[in-house]
Amino acid sequence: MTDRSGIFAGDDPIALAKSWLAEAKKTELNDAIAVSLATVDQSGMPNVRIVLLKEIEDNAFVFYTNYESSKGQELISSGKAALNFHWKSLRRQVRIRGLVEKEDGAQADAYYNSRPLDSRIGAWASQQSRPLLNREELENAVRENKDALGASPERPPHWGGFRIKPLEMEFWADGPNRLHDRFKWEKPDIDATWTINRLNP
């Protein structure tokens, strides 16, 4: 049994992540939902970038992107990913490693339709991660798609969501003299029970 209390109390790491995110939304100046997403390509070369988390479900972290982008292809190919939240205002971070599944149904449709029209058109116009001659080429693609699709475009088949279902979650809080507090939840598979350990800083 680990000596957890205060901000680390509770046995469910998903609930704890929701709690920490709710606190961060009150204190972060911009985008408390911004999270670093790490993937690897087919050669094993790593990539990392910021995405915006849209939902924490009971067993997954959900965001949306272009399936044909570098990150989309890497997520589909490997089936694994890592996330890292860092909230400077709270001096805390949450690290997540887990398995990937696509959200390509009604939930993705609902989120797509909730976006501003220009963002929905942009999802059609941008060939994300591929070479672009100049800004004008992109703006022309936006205009052409806006004319063709009208005011109620359907979700593009190449755009949707991903769920990261965690197998590991680590919660980190700043401590004096760099003696930080770290607790790690882990399990061997999705349906297993979490084990919890305190880690050295």
N, C-alpha and C. Protein backbone atom coordinates (compact mmCIF):
# COMPACT_ATOMS: atom_id res chain seq x y z
N MET A 1 0.86 -1.19 0.00
CA MET A 1 0.00 0.00 0.00
C MET A 1 0.89 1.24 0.00
N THR A 2 0.63 2.16 -0.92
CA THR A 2 1.44 3.37 -0.98
C THR A 2 0.84 4.45 -0.08
N ASP A 3 1.70 5.35 0.37
CA ASP A 3 1.28 6.41 1.30
C ASP A 3 0.73 7.61 0.51
N ARG A 4 -0.42 7.41 -0.11
CA ARG A 4 -1.01 8.47 -0.92
C ARG A 4 -2.08 9.22 -0.14
N SER A 5 -2.10 10.52 -0.29
CA SER A 5 -3.12 11.35 0.33
C SER A 5 -3.17 12.67 -0.44
N GLY A 6 -4.04 13.55 -0.03
CA GLY A 6 -4.12 14.87 -0.67
C GLY A 6 -4.43 14.77 -2.15
N ILE A 7 -3.60 15.40 -2.98
CA ILE A 7 -3.87 15.44 -4.42
C ILE A 7 -3.69 14.09 -5.10
N PHE A 8 -3.08 13.11 -4.42
CA PHE A 8 -2.87 11.78 -4.98
C PHE A 8 -3.89 10.75 -4.48
N ALA A 9 -4.84 11.16 -3.66
CA ALA A 9 -5.78 10.23 -3.05
C ALA A 9 -6.69 9.60 -4.10
N GLY A 10 -7.08 8.34 -3.84
CA GLY A 10 -7.98 7.63 -4.73
C GLY A 10 -7.27 6.51 -5.47
N ASP A 11 -8.04 5.51 -5.86
CA ASP A 11 -7.47 4.35 -6.53
C ASP A 11 -7.67 4.35 -8.04
N ASP A 12 -8.53 5.24 -8.54
CA ASP A 12 -8.84 5.27 -9.98
C ASP A 12 -8.03 6.38 -10.65
N PRO A 13 -7.03 6.04 -11.47
CA PRO A 13 -6.19 7.09 -12.06
C PRO A 13 -6.93 7.95 -13.10
N ILE A 14 -7.95 7.39 -13.74
CA ILE A 14 -8.72 8.19 -14.69
C ILE A 14 -9.48 9.29 -13.94
N ALA A 15 -10.10 8.93 -12.82
CA ALA A 15 -10.80 9.93 -12.01
C ALA A 15 -9.82 10.98 -11.50
N LEU A 16 -8.62 10.55 -11.12
CA LEU A 16 -7.61 11.49 -10.64
C LEU A 16 -7.19 12.44 -11.77
N ALA A 17 -7.01 11.91 -12.97
CA ALA A 17 -6.66 12.77 -14.11
C ALA A 17 -7.76 13.79 -14.38
N LYS A 18 -9.02 13.37 -14.30
CA LYS A 18 -10.13 14.30 -14.49
C LYS A 18 -10.08 15.42 -13.44
N SER A 19 -9.78 15.05 -12.20
CA SER A 19 -9.72 16.02 -11.12
C SER A 19 -8.59 17.03 -11.34
N TRP A 20 -7.42 16.53 -11.72
CA TRP A 20 -6.29 17.43 -11.96
C TRP A 20 -6.56 18.34 -13.16
N LEU A 21 -7.18 17.80 -14.20
CA LEU A 21 -7.50 18.63 -15.36
C LEU A 21 -8.51 19.71 -15.00
N ALA A 22 -9.49 19.38 -14.19
CA ALA A 22 -10.47 20.39 -13.75
C ALA A 22 -9.78 21.52 -12.99
N GLU A 23 -8.81 21.17 -12.14
CA GLU A 23 -8.04 22.21 -11.44
C GLU A 23 -7.24 23.06 -12.42
N ALA A 24 -6.60 22.41 -13.39
CA ALA A 24 -5.78 23.12 -14.35
C ALA A 24 -6.60 24.09 -15.20
N LYS A 25 -7.83 23.74 -15.49
CA LYS A 25 -8.68 24.62 -16.30
C LYS A 25 -8.95 25.94 -15.59
N LYS A 26 -8.82 25.96 -14.27
CA LYS A 26 -9.04 27.19 -13.49
C LYS A 26 -7.79 28.06 -13.41
N THR A 27 -6.61 27.48 -13.69
CA THR A 27 -5.37 28.20 -13.43
C THR A 27 -4.48 28.41 -14.65
N GLU A 28 -4.58 27.53 -15.66
CA GLU A 28 -3.72 27.67 -16.84
C GLU A 28 -4.19 28.84 -17.70
N LEU A 29 -3.26 29.63 -18.20
CA LEU A 29 -3.62 30.78 -19.02
C LEU A 29 -4.23 30.36 -20.35
N ASN A 30 -3.67 29.33 -20.96
CA ASN A 30 -4.13 28.87 -22.27
C ASN A 30 -4.14 27.35 -22.34
N ASP A 31 -5.24 26.81 -22.84
CA ASP A 31 -5.31 25.40 -23.25
C ASP A 31 -4.82 24.42 -22.19
N ALA A 32 -5.54 24.34 -21.09
CA ALA A 32 -5.24 23.31 -20.10
C ALA A 32 -5.39 21.92 -20.69
N ILE A 33 -6.15 21.81 -21.79
CA ILE A 33 -6.36 20.50 -22.44
C ILE A 33 -5.26 20.16 -23.43
N ALA A 34 -4.26 21.03 -23.58
CA ALA A 34 -3.14 20.73 -24.47
C ALA A 34 -2.31 19.60 -23.88
N VAL A 35 -1.99 18.61 -24.73
CA VAL A 35 -1.25 17.45 -24.26
C VAL A 35 -0.25 17.04 -25.33
N SER A 36 0.95 16.67 -24.91
CA SER A 36 1.95 16.16 -25.85
C SER A 36 1.59 14.73 -26.22
N LEU A 37 1.61 14.45 -27.51
CA LEU A 37 1.32 13.11 -28.02
C LEU A 37 2.58 12.55 -28.66
N ALA A 38 3.05 11.41 -28.17
CA ALA A 38 4.24 10.77 -28.72
C ALA A 38 3.85 9.50 -29.47
N THR A 39 4.45 9.35 -30.66
CA THR A 39 4.23 8.18 -31.50
C THR A 39 5.58 7.76 -32.08
N VAL A 40 5.59 6.63 -32.78
CA VAL A 40 6.79 6.23 -33.53
C VAL A 40 6.37 5.86 -34.95
N ASP A 41 7.28 6.13 -35.91
CA ASP A 41 6.99 5.74 -37.28
C ASP A 41 7.42 4.29 -37.50
N GLN A 42 7.28 3.81 -38.73
CA GLN A 42 7.54 2.39 -39.00
C GLN A 42 9.01 2.01 -38.84
N SER A 43 9.90 3.02 -38.85
CA SER A 43 11.32 2.73 -38.64
C SER A 43 11.70 2.79 -37.16
N GLY A 44 10.73 3.17 -36.31
CA GLY A 44 11.01 3.30 -34.88
C GLY A 44 11.44 4.70 -34.48
N MET A 45 11.47 5.65 -35.44
CA MET A 45 11.83 7.02 -35.13
C MET A 45 10.67 7.71 -34.40
N PRO A 46 10.94 8.34 -33.24
CA PRO A 46 9.84 8.95 -32.49
C PRO A 46 9.42 10.30 -33.04
N ASN A 47 8.17 10.64 -32.75
CA ASN A 47 7.59 11.95 -33.05
C ASN A 47 6.83 12.42 -31.83
N VAL A 48 6.81 13.72 -31.59
CA VAL A 48 5.99 14.27 -30.52
C VAL A 48 5.44 15.60 -30.98
N ARG A 49 4.18 15.88 -30.60
CA ARG A 49 3.54 17.15 -30.94
C ARG A 49 2.41 17.40 -29.94
N ILE A 50 1.89 18.61 -29.94
CA ILE A 50 0.79 18.96 -29.05
C ILE A 50 -0.54 18.73 -29.77
N VAL A 51 -1.48 18.08 -29.08
CA VAL A 51 -2.86 17.99 -29.55
C VAL A 51 -3.76 18.49 -28.43
N LEU A 52 -5.03 18.74 -28.76
CA LEU A 52 -5.99 19.19 -27.76
C LEU A 52 -6.91 18.03 -27.39
N LEU A 53 -6.87 17.65 -26.13
CA LEU A 53 -7.73 16.58 -25.65
C LEU A 53 -9.17 17.07 -25.64
N LYS A 54 -10.09 16.23 -26.10
CA LYS A 54 -11.49 16.63 -26.14
C LYS A 54 -12.34 15.94 -25.09
N GLU A 55 -11.89 14.82 -24.58
CA GLU A 55 -12.70 14.12 -23.58
C GLU A 55 -11.86 13.11 -22.82
N ILE A 56 -12.16 12.97 -21.53
CA ILE A 56 -11.65 11.85 -20.76
C ILE A 56 -12.84 10.95 -20.47
N GLU A 57 -12.85 9.77 -21.07
CA GLU A 57 -13.90 8.80 -20.83
C GLU A 57 -13.55 7.95 -19.60
N ASP A 58 -14.38 6.98 -19.30
CA ASP A 58 -14.13 6.16 -18.11
C ASP A 58 -12.85 5.35 -18.22
N ASN A 59 -12.41 5.06 -19.47
CA ASN A 59 -11.20 4.26 -19.63
C ASN A 59 -10.33 4.73 -20.79
N ALA A 60 -10.47 6.00 -21.19
CA ALA A 60 -9.71 6.45 -22.36
C ALA A 60 -9.63 7.97 -22.43
N PHE A 61 -8.61 8.42 -23.18
CA PHE A 61 -8.39 9.84 -23.48
C PHE A 61 -8.62 10.03 -24.97
N VAL A 62 -9.48 10.99 -25.34
CA VAL A 62 -9.95 11.10 -26.72
C VAL A 62 -9.54 12.44 -27.33
N PHE A 63 -9.02 12.39 -28.56
CA PHE A 63 -8.74 13.59 -29.34
C PHE A 63 -9.04 13.28 -30.79
N TYR A 64 -9.03 14.33 -31.63
CA TYR A 64 -9.42 14.19 -33.03
C TYR A 64 -8.35 14.75 -33.95
N THR A 65 -8.25 14.14 -35.15
CA THR A 65 -7.22 14.56 -36.09
C THR A 65 -7.50 13.98 -37.47
N ASN A 66 -6.61 14.27 -38.39
CA ASN A 66 -6.65 13.72 -39.74
C ASN A 66 -5.99 12.33 -39.72
N TYR A 67 -6.73 11.30 -40.12
CA TYR A 67 -6.18 9.95 -40.10
C TYR A 67 -5.00 9.79 -41.06
N GLU A 68 -4.93 10.63 -42.09
CA GLU A 68 -3.87 10.52 -43.10
C GLU A 68 -2.64 11.34 -42.74
N SER A 69 -2.68 12.08 -41.62
CA SER A 69 -1.52 12.84 -41.16
C SER A 69 -0.44 11.90 -40.66
N SER A 70 0.74 12.46 -40.40
CA SER A 70 1.82 11.63 -39.84
C SER A 70 1.39 10.96 -38.54
N LYS A 71 0.80 11.75 -37.65
CA LYS A 71 0.41 11.16 -36.37
C LYS A 71 -0.69 10.13 -36.54
N GLY A 72 -1.65 10.42 -37.44
CA GLY A 72 -2.72 9.46 -37.69
C GLY A 72 -2.19 8.13 -38.19
N GLN A 73 -1.28 8.20 -39.16
CA GLN A 73 -0.71 6.98 -39.72
C GLN A 73 0.13 6.22 -38.70
N GLU A 74 0.87 6.96 -37.87
CA GLU A 74 1.70 6.30 -36.86
C GLU A 74 0.84 5.65 -35.77
N LEU A 75 -0.24 6.31 -35.40
CA LEU A 75 -1.15 5.73 -34.41
C LEU A 75 -1.80 4.46 -34.93
N ILE A 76 -2.25 4.50 -36.18
CA ILE A 76 -2.89 3.34 -36.78
C ILE A 76 -1.90 2.19 -36.94
N SER A 77 -0.69 2.52 -37.37
CA SER A 77 0.32 1.49 -37.65
C SER A 77 0.80 0.79 -36.38
N SER A 78 1.11 1.55 -35.34
CA SER A 78 1.70 0.94 -34.14
C SER A 78 0.66 0.48 -33.14
N GLY A 79 -0.48 1.17 -33.10
CA GLY A 79 -1.50 0.83 -32.12
C GLY A 79 -1.15 1.21 -30.69
N LYS A 80 -0.09 2.02 -30.53
CA LYS A 80 0.36 2.44 -29.21
C LYS A 80 0.73 3.91 -29.23
N ALA A 81 0.63 4.58 -28.07
CA ALA A 81 1.00 5.99 -28.00
C ALA A 81 1.23 6.38 -26.55
N ALA A 82 1.81 7.57 -26.38
CA ALA A 82 2.00 8.14 -25.05
C ALA A 82 1.51 9.58 -25.06
N LEU A 83 0.99 10.01 -23.92
CA LEU A 83 0.53 11.38 -23.72
C LEU A 83 1.23 11.96 -22.50
N ASN A 84 1.42 13.29 -22.51
CA ASN A 84 1.99 13.95 -21.34
C ASN A 84 1.35 15.32 -21.16
N PHE A 85 0.62 15.48 -20.05
CA PHE A 85 0.11 16.79 -19.66
C PHE A 85 1.15 17.45 -18.76
N HIS A 86 1.40 18.74 -18.97
CA HIS A 86 2.26 19.50 -18.07
C HIS A 86 1.56 20.82 -17.77
N TRP A 87 1.17 21.02 -16.51
CA TRP A 87 0.48 22.24 -16.09
C TRP A 87 1.43 23.06 -15.22
N LYS A 88 1.99 24.10 -15.82
CA LYS A 88 2.97 24.93 -15.10
C LYS A 88 2.36 25.60 -13.89
N SER A 89 1.09 26.04 -14.02
CA SER A 89 0.45 26.76 -12.91
C SER A 89 0.31 25.88 -11.68
N LEU A 90 0.14 24.59 -11.87
CA LEU A 90 -0.01 23.66 -10.75
C LEU A 90 1.29 22.96 -10.38
N ARG A 91 2.29 23.08 -11.27
CA ARG A 91 3.55 22.35 -11.11
C ARG A 91 3.29 20.85 -11.00
N ARG A 92 2.49 20.37 -11.95
CA ARG A 92 2.15 18.95 -11.99
C ARG A 92 2.20 18.45 -13.43
N GLN A 93 2.38 17.15 -13.57
CA GLN A 93 2.24 16.53 -14.88
C GLN A 93 1.64 15.13 -14.73
N VAL A 94 1.02 14.69 -15.83
CA VAL A 94 0.48 13.34 -15.90
C VAL A 94 1.00 12.69 -17.17
N ARG A 95 1.61 11.52 -17.02
CA ARG A 95 2.14 10.76 -18.16
C ARG A 95 1.29 9.53 -18.37
N ILE A 96 0.99 9.22 -19.63
CA ILE A 96 0.08 8.13 -19.98
C ILE A 96 0.71 7.33 -21.11
N ARG A 97 0.69 6.00 -21.00
CA ARG A 97 1.09 5.13 -22.11
C ARG A 97 0.00 4.09 -22.28
N GLY A 98 -0.37 3.84 -23.55
CA GLY A 98 -1.44 2.88 -23.73
C GLY A 98 -1.68 2.47 -25.16
N LEU A 99 -2.82 1.84 -25.36
CA LEU A 99 -3.22 1.29 -26.64
C LEU A 99 -4.18 2.23 -27.35
N VAL A 100 -4.16 2.17 -28.67
CA VAL A 100 -4.90 3.12 -29.51
C VAL A 100 -6.08 2.42 -30.17
N GLU A 101 -7.22 3.11 -30.19
CA GLU A 101 -8.33 2.66 -31.04
C GLU A 101 -8.98 3.88 -31.69
N LYS A 102 -9.52 3.70 -32.89
CA LYS A 102 -10.16 4.79 -33.61
C LYS A 102 -11.58 5.03 -33.09
N GLU A 103 -11.99 6.29 -33.10
CA GLU A 103 -13.39 6.67 -32.90
C GLU A 103 -13.86 7.23 -34.23
N ASP A 104 -14.57 6.39 -35.00
CA ASP A 104 -14.91 6.75 -36.37
C ASP A 104 -16.42 6.67 -36.61
N GLY A 105 -17.19 6.87 -35.54
CA GLY A 105 -18.64 6.72 -35.65
C GLY A 105 -19.41 7.95 -35.23
N ALA A 106 -20.52 7.72 -34.57
CA ALA A 106 -21.45 8.80 -34.21
C ALA A 106 -20.80 9.83 -33.28
N GLN A 107 -19.94 9.38 -32.39
CA GLN A 107 -19.28 10.31 -31.47
C GLN A 107 -18.38 11.28 -32.24
N ALA A 108 -17.65 10.75 -33.23
CA ALA A 108 -16.81 11.61 -34.07
C ALA A 108 -17.66 12.57 -34.89
N ASP A 109 -18.79 12.07 -35.41
CA ASP A 109 -19.70 12.94 -36.17
C ASP A 109 -20.19 14.10 -35.29
N ALA A 110 -20.59 13.77 -34.07
CA ALA A 110 -21.13 14.79 -33.16
C ALA A 110 -20.08 15.85 -32.84
N TYR A 111 -18.84 15.41 -32.57
CA TYR A 111 -17.81 16.41 -32.29
C TYR A 111 -17.51 17.27 -33.52
N TYR A 112 -17.39 16.61 -34.68
CA TYR A 112 -17.13 17.37 -35.92
C TYR A 112 -18.21 18.42 -36.14
N ASN A 113 -19.46 18.06 -35.95
CA ASN A 113 -20.56 18.99 -36.20
C ASN A 113 -20.64 20.10 -35.16
N SER A 114 -19.97 19.93 -34.02
CA SER A 114 -19.96 20.99 -33.00
C SER A 114 -18.91 22.06 -33.29
N ARG A 115 -18.01 21.80 -34.23
CA ARG A 115 -16.93 22.74 -34.53
C ARG A 115 -17.45 23.90 -35.37
N PRO A 116 -16.76 25.05 -35.33
CA PRO A 116 -17.14 26.16 -36.21
C PRO A 116 -17.05 25.73 -37.68
N LEU A 117 -17.89 26.32 -38.52
CA LEU A 117 -17.93 25.92 -39.92
C LEU A 117 -16.56 25.98 -40.58
N ASP A 118 -15.81 27.05 -40.33
CA ASP A 118 -14.50 27.18 -40.99
C ASP A 118 -13.55 26.06 -40.58
N SER A 119 -13.66 25.59 -39.35
CA SER A 119 -12.83 24.46 -38.91
C SER A 119 -13.26 23.17 -39.59
N ARG A 120 -14.57 23.02 -39.80
CA ARG A 120 -15.06 21.82 -40.50
C ARG A 120 -14.59 21.82 -41.96
N ILE A 121 -14.65 22.99 -42.59
CA ILE A 121 -14.16 23.09 -43.97
C ILE A 121 -12.66 22.83 -44.01
N GLY A 122 -11.93 23.36 -43.03
CA GLY A 122 -10.49 23.17 -42.98
C GLY A 122 -10.09 21.70 -42.91
N ALA A 123 -10.92 20.88 -42.24
CA ALA A 123 -10.63 19.45 -42.16
C ALA A 123 -10.70 18.79 -43.54
N TRP A 124 -11.52 19.33 -44.42
CA TRP A 124 -11.58 18.84 -45.80
C TRP A 124 -10.42 19.39 -46.62
N ALA A 125 -10.09 20.66 -46.41
CA ALA A 125 -9.14 21.35 -47.29
C ALA A 125 -7.68 20.98 -47.03
N SER A 126 -7.33 20.72 -45.78
CA SER A 126 -5.93 20.49 -45.44
C SER A 126 -5.53 19.04 -45.64
N GLN A 127 -4.52 18.82 -46.44
CA GLN A 127 -3.90 17.50 -46.58
C GLN A 127 -2.78 17.42 -45.54
N GLN A 128 -3.17 17.27 -44.30
CA GLN A 128 -2.29 17.46 -43.16
C GLN A 128 -1.00 16.64 -43.27
N SER A 129 0.10 17.31 -42.96
CA SER A 129 1.46 16.75 -42.93
C SER A 129 2.11 16.61 -44.30
N ARG A 130 1.34 16.83 -45.39
CA ARG A 130 1.92 16.70 -46.72
C ARG A 130 2.44 18.04 -47.22
N PRO A 131 3.39 18.04 -48.15
CA PRO A 131 3.98 19.30 -48.62
C PRO A 131 2.93 20.25 -49.19
N LEU A 132 3.15 21.55 -48.96
CA LEU A 132 2.26 22.61 -49.42
C LEU A 132 3.10 23.64 -50.15
N LEU A 133 2.71 23.97 -51.37
CA LEU A 133 3.48 24.90 -52.18
C LEU A 133 3.58 26.27 -51.53
N ASN A 134 2.45 26.81 -51.10
CA ASN A 134 2.41 28.11 -50.44
C ASN A 134 1.07 28.29 -49.73
N ARG A 135 0.94 29.37 -48.99
CA ARG A 135 -0.29 29.64 -48.24
C ARG A 135 -1.50 29.81 -49.18
N GLU A 136 -1.25 30.40 -50.32
CA GLU A 136 -2.33 30.64 -51.28
C GLU A 136 -2.98 29.32 -51.72
N GLU A 137 -2.16 28.29 -51.91
CA GLU A 137 -2.71 26.99 -52.30
C GLU A 137 -3.70 26.47 -51.26
N LEU A 138 -3.36 26.63 -49.99
CA LEU A 138 -4.25 26.20 -48.91
C LEU A 138 -5.53 27.04 -48.90
N GLU A 139 -5.38 28.36 -49.03
CA GLU A 139 -6.56 29.24 -49.00
C GLU A 139 -7.49 28.96 -50.18
N ASN A 140 -6.91 28.63 -51.33
CA ASN A 140 -7.73 28.26 -52.49
C ASN A 140 -8.50 26.97 -52.21
N ALA A 141 -7.84 26.01 -51.57
CA ALA A 141 -8.50 24.75 -51.24
C ALA A 141 -9.66 24.98 -50.27
N VAL A 142 -9.47 25.89 -49.32
CA VAL A 142 -10.54 26.22 -48.37
C VAL A 142 -11.74 26.81 -49.13
N ARG A 143 -11.47 27.78 -50.02
CA ARG A 143 -12.57 28.40 -50.78
C ARG A 143 -13.30 27.38 -51.64
N GLU A 144 -12.56 26.53 -52.32
CA GLU A 144 -13.17 25.53 -53.20
C GLU A 144 -14.04 24.56 -52.41
N ASN A 145 -13.55 24.13 -51.25
CA ASN A 145 -14.33 23.21 -50.44
C ASN A 145 -15.55 23.89 -49.84
N LYS A 146 -15.42 25.15 -49.47
CA LYS A 146 -16.55 25.88 -48.91
C LYS A 146 -17.66 26.00 -49.95
N ASP A 147 -17.28 26.31 -51.19
CA ASP A 147 -18.27 26.43 -52.28
C ASP A 147 -18.93 25.07 -52.55
N ALA A 148 -18.14 24.01 -52.52
CA ALA A 148 -18.66 22.69 -52.87
C ALA A 148 -19.50 22.06 -51.76
N LEU A 149 -19.12 22.31 -50.49
CA LEU A 149 -19.74 21.60 -49.38
C LEU A 149 -20.88 22.36 -48.72
N GLY A 150 -20.91 23.68 -48.87
CA GLY A 150 -21.99 24.47 -48.27
C GLY A 150 -21.86 24.63 -46.77
N ALA A 151 -22.99 24.88 -46.13
CA ALA A 151 -23.01 25.25 -44.71
C ALA A 151 -23.08 24.04 -43.77
N SER A 152 -23.31 22.84 -44.31
CA SER A 152 -23.44 21.66 -43.45
C SER A 152 -22.62 20.49 -44.00
N PRO A 153 -21.31 20.65 -44.03
CA PRO A 153 -20.48 19.56 -44.56
C PRO A 153 -20.51 18.34 -43.65
N GLU A 154 -20.49 17.16 -44.24
CA GLU A 154 -20.36 15.94 -43.46
C GLU A 154 -18.91 15.76 -43.02
N ARG A 155 -18.70 14.96 -42.00
CA ARG A 155 -17.34 14.69 -41.53
C ARG A 155 -16.56 13.98 -42.63
N PRO A 156 -15.35 14.45 -42.93
CA PRO A 156 -14.55 13.78 -43.96
C PRO A 156 -14.22 12.35 -43.54
N PRO A 157 -14.14 11.43 -44.49
CA PRO A 157 -13.81 10.04 -44.13
C PRO A 157 -12.39 9.89 -43.59
N HIS A 158 -11.53 10.89 -43.86
CA HIS A 158 -10.14 10.82 -43.39
C HIS A 158 -9.93 11.55 -42.06
N TRP A 159 -11.01 11.93 -41.40
CA TRP A 159 -10.89 12.74 -40.17
C TRP A 159 -11.78 12.13 -39.09
N GLY A 160 -11.21 11.97 -37.90
CA GLY A 160 -12.00 11.42 -36.80
C GLY A 160 -11.19 11.36 -35.52
N GLY A 161 -11.61 10.49 -34.63
CA GLY A 161 -11.01 10.48 -33.31
C GLY A 161 -10.11 9.29 -33.05
N PHE A 162 -9.33 9.44 -31.98
CA PHE A 162 -8.53 8.34 -31.44
C PHE A 162 -8.74 8.29 -29.93
N ARG A 163 -8.80 7.08 -29.43
CA ARG A 163 -8.80 6.86 -27.99
C ARG A 163 -7.45 6.27 -27.59
N ILE A 164 -6.90 6.80 -26.52
CA ILE A 164 -5.73 6.17 -25.89
C ILE A 164 -6.24 5.51 -24.61
N LYS A 165 -6.17 4.18 -24.58
CA LYS A 165 -6.61 3.43 -23.40
C LYS A 165 -5.37 3.09 -22.58
N PRO A 166 -5.24 3.68 -21.41
CA PRO A 166 -3.97 3.57 -20.68
C PRO A 166 -3.71 2.21 -20.05
N LEU A 167 -2.44 1.84 -20.14
CA LEU A 167 -1.90 0.70 -19.38
C LEU A 167 -0.97 1.20 -18.28
N GLU A 168 -0.50 2.44 -18.43
CA GLU A 168 0.35 3.07 -17.41
C GLU A 168 -0.07 4.53 -17.28
N MET A 169 -0.12 5.01 -16.05
CA MET A 169 -0.36 6.44 -15.79
C MET A 169 0.53 6.85 -14.62
N GLU A 170 1.27 7.91 -14.82
CA GLU A 170 2.13 8.42 -13.76
C GLU A 170 1.74 9.85 -13.42
N PHE A 171 1.57 10.13 -12.14
CA PHE A 171 1.22 11.46 -11.63
C PHE A 171 2.42 12.03 -10.89
N TRP A 172 2.80 13.24 -11.28
CA TRP A 172 4.01 13.89 -10.78
C TRP A 172 3.64 15.27 -10.23
N ALA A 173 4.15 15.59 -9.05
CA ALA A 173 3.95 16.93 -8.47
C ALA A 173 5.28 17.45 -7.95
N ASP A 174 5.51 18.71 -8.20
CA ASP A 174 6.76 19.36 -7.82
C ASP A 174 6.96 19.31 -6.30
N GLY A 175 8.19 19.04 -5.90
CA GLY A 175 8.52 19.01 -4.48
C GLY A 175 9.73 19.88 -4.19
N PRO A 176 9.96 20.25 -2.92
CA PRO A 176 11.12 21.07 -2.57
C PRO A 176 12.42 20.33 -2.84
N ASN A 177 13.44 21.08 -3.23
CA ASN A 177 14.78 20.51 -3.46
C ASN A 177 14.77 19.39 -4.50
N ARG A 178 13.85 19.50 -5.45
CA ARG A 178 13.69 18.50 -6.53
C ARG A 178 13.33 17.12 -6.00
N LEU A 179 12.82 17.05 -4.79
CA LEU A 179 12.35 15.79 -4.23
C LEU A 179 10.85 15.67 -4.52
N HIS A 180 10.55 15.43 -5.78
CA HIS A 180 9.18 15.45 -6.27
C HIS A 180 8.42 14.21 -5.80
N ASP A 181 7.09 14.29 -5.86
CA ASP A 181 6.23 13.15 -5.57
C ASP A 181 5.79 12.53 -6.89
N ARG A 182 5.96 11.23 -7.00
CA ARG A 182 5.59 10.49 -8.22
C ARG A 182 4.89 9.20 -7.83
N PHE A 183 3.73 8.96 -8.44
CA PHE A 183 3.01 7.72 -8.24
C PHE A 183 2.64 7.15 -9.60
N LYS A 184 2.84 5.85 -9.75
CA LYS A 184 2.59 5.20 -11.04
C LYS A 184 1.55 4.09 -10.89
N TRP A 185 0.50 4.20 -11.72
CA TRP A 185 -0.50 3.15 -11.85
C TRP A 185 -0.14 2.34 -13.10
N GLU A 186 -0.21 1.01 -13.03
CA GLU A 186 0.04 0.21 -14.23
C GLU A 186 -0.72 -1.10 -14.16
N LYS A 187 -0.98 -1.67 -15.35
CA LYS A 187 -1.65 -2.96 -15.45
C LYS A 187 -1.20 -3.64 -16.74
N PRO A 188 -1.20 -4.97 -16.77
CA PRO A 188 -0.65 -5.69 -17.93
C PRO A 188 -1.55 -5.66 -19.15
N ASP A 189 -2.86 -5.48 -18.94
CA ASP A 189 -3.78 -5.38 -20.07
C ASP A 189 -4.99 -4.54 -19.66
N ILE A 190 -5.83 -4.20 -20.62
CA ILE A 190 -6.91 -3.25 -20.39
C ILE A 190 -7.86 -3.69 -19.29
N ASP A 191 -8.15 -4.97 -19.20
CA ASP A 191 -9.14 -5.46 -18.25
C ASP A 191 -8.57 -5.83 -16.88
N ALA A 192 -7.27 -5.68 -16.72
CA ALA A 192 -6.64 -6.05 -15.45
C ALA A 192 -6.85 -4.96 -14.39
N THR A 193 -6.47 -5.29 -13.16
CA THR A 193 -6.57 -4.35 -12.03
C THR A 193 -5.29 -3.53 -11.95
N TRP A 194 -5.42 -2.26 -11.60
CA TRP A 194 -4.26 -1.38 -11.46
C TRP A 194 -3.43 -1.77 -10.24
N THR A 195 -2.11 -1.70 -10.39
CA THR A 195 -1.20 -1.70 -9.25
C THR A 195 -0.58 -0.32 -9.15
N ILE A 196 -0.25 0.09 -7.94
CA ILE A 196 0.20 1.47 -7.70
C ILE A 196 1.52 1.43 -6.95
N ASN A 197 2.48 2.22 -7.41
CA ASN A 197 3.77 2.32 -6.72
C ASN A 197 4.19 3.78 -6.64
N ARG A 198 4.83 4.10 -5.52
CA ARG A 198 5.53 5.39 -5.42
C ARG A 198 6.88 5.24 -6.09
N LEU A 199 7.30 6.25 -6.86
CA LEU A 199 8.58 6.22 -7.54
C LEU A 199 9.54 7.24 -6.94
N ASN A 200 10.83 6.94 -7.01
CA ASN A 200 11.82 7.94 -6.64
C ASN A 200 11.70 9.13 -7.58
N PRO A 201 12.00 10.34 -7.08
CA PRO A 201 11.93 11.52 -7.94
C PRO A 201 13.06 11.52 -8.98
